[in-house]
């Protein structure tokens, strides 16, 4: 899989594969609003990315927790915010 597109819908979050020749190759994704609550949209996007086998870097943003589903969280959506003491 080279890149993903998320489409929040009433049925949940779907992740679909893009054509590898597409210029929109995604190397990293920040998931703003990722939460410990599994029903949260940000968490559903994070879970869909990890389940899909996304090969890029995933940066869930949640200043209240160190990791979600085994993925290390960032404190904010700014450079260097993923470095926790």
Protein backbone atom coordinates (compact mmCIF):
# COMPACT_ATOMS: atom_id res chain seq x y z
CA UNK A 1 0.00 0.00 0.00
CA UNK A 2 1.43 3.36 -0.98
CA UNK A 3 -1.09 5.82 0.38
CA UNK A 4 -4.50 5.95 1.99
CA UNK A 5 -7.58 8.13 1.95
CA UNK A 6 -9.96 8.18 4.87
CA UNK A 7 -13.64 8.74 4.36
CA UNK A 8 -15.59 9.16 7.59
CA UNK A 9 -19.11 7.97 7.00
CA UNK A 10 -22.07 6.69 8.97
CA UNK A 11 -20.70 3.17 8.58
CA UNK A 12 -17.31 4.15 10.06
CA UNK A 13 -13.94 4.98 8.60
CA UNK A 14 -12.94 3.32 5.38
CA UNK A 15 -9.35 3.15 4.17
CA UNK A 16 -8.75 2.45 0.53
CA UNK A 17 -5.61 1.91 -1.45
CA UNK A 18 -4.54 4.49 -4.03
CA UNK A 19 -2.88 3.78 -7.32
CA UNK A 20 0.92 3.56 -6.69
CA UNK A 21 1.49 5.80 -9.72
CA UNK A 22 -0.53 8.57 -8.04
CA UNK A 23 1.37 11.78 -7.20
CA UNK A 24 -0.38 11.82 -3.80
CA UNK A 25 1.90 9.25 -2.15
CA UNK A 26 1.52 9.67 1.59
CA UNK A 27 4.61 9.16 3.74
CA UNK A 28 3.21 10.36 7.06
CA UNK A 29 -0.17 11.13 8.62
CA UNK A 30 -0.99 13.19 11.71
CA UNK A 31 -4.24 12.14 13.35
CA UNK A 32 -5.61 15.15 15.23
CA UNK A 33 -8.14 14.34 17.91
CA UNK A 34 -7.03 10.76 18.46
CA UNK A 35 -8.53 9.55 21.75
CA UNK A 36 -8.51 6.63 24.16
CA UNK A 37 -12.24 6.24 23.42
CA UNK A 38 -12.56 3.72 20.60
CA UNK A 39 -15.76 5.37 19.34
CA UNK A 40 -13.94 8.70 18.78
CA UNK A 41 -13.51 9.59 15.08
CA UNK A 42 -9.80 10.34 15.49
CA UNK A 43 -9.28 6.98 17.18
CA UNK A 44 -11.24 5.20 14.44
CA UNK A 45 -9.02 6.86 11.81
CA UNK A 46 -5.91 5.78 13.76
CA UNK A 47 -7.20 2.21 14.09
CA UNK A 48 -8.12 2.06 10.40
CA UNK A 49 -4.64 3.24 9.40
CA UNK A 50 -2.89 0.67 11.60
CA UNK A 51 -5.20 -2.17 10.50
CA UNK A 52 -4.78 -1.29 6.82
CA UNK A 53 -1.04 -1.90 6.88
CA UNK A 54 -0.22 1.75 6.11
CA UNK A 55 3.56 1.85 5.59
CA UNK A 56 4.10 5.53 6.39
CA UNK A 57 4.60 7.21 9.74
CA UNK A 58 1.51 7.75 11.89
CA UNK A 59 1.46 10.60 14.41
CA UNK A 60 -1.60 10.54 16.67
CA UNK A 61 -1.92 13.87 18.48
CA UNK A 62 -3.09 13.59 22.09
CA UNK A 63 -1.32 15.53 24.86
CA UNK A 64 -3.06 13.47 27.57
CA UNK A 65 -1.59 10.06 26.76
CA UNK A 66 1.77 8.61 25.73
CA UNK A 67 0.44 6.04 23.24
CA UNK A 68 -2.74 4.77 21.63
CA UNK A 69 -2.96 1.22 20.40
CA UNK A 70 0.81 0.89 20.60
CA UNK A 71 1.47 4.04 18.53
CA UNK A 72 3.37 6.80 20.35
CA UNK A 73 1.38 10.05 20.64
CA UNK A 74 2.54 13.59 20.01
CA UNK A 75 1.69 16.41 22.43
CA UNK A 76 0.80 18.83 19.61
CA UNK A 77 0.83 19.09 15.82
CA UNK A 78 4.14 20.97 15.75
CA UNK A 79 7.69 19.81 14.92
CA UNK A 80 9.39 18.19 17.90
CA UNK A 81 6.19 17.72 19.89
CA UNK A 82 6.52 13.95 19.72
CA UNK A 83 9.56 14.05 21.96
CA UNK A 84 8.25 13.25 25.44
CA UNK A 85 10.37 13.39 28.60
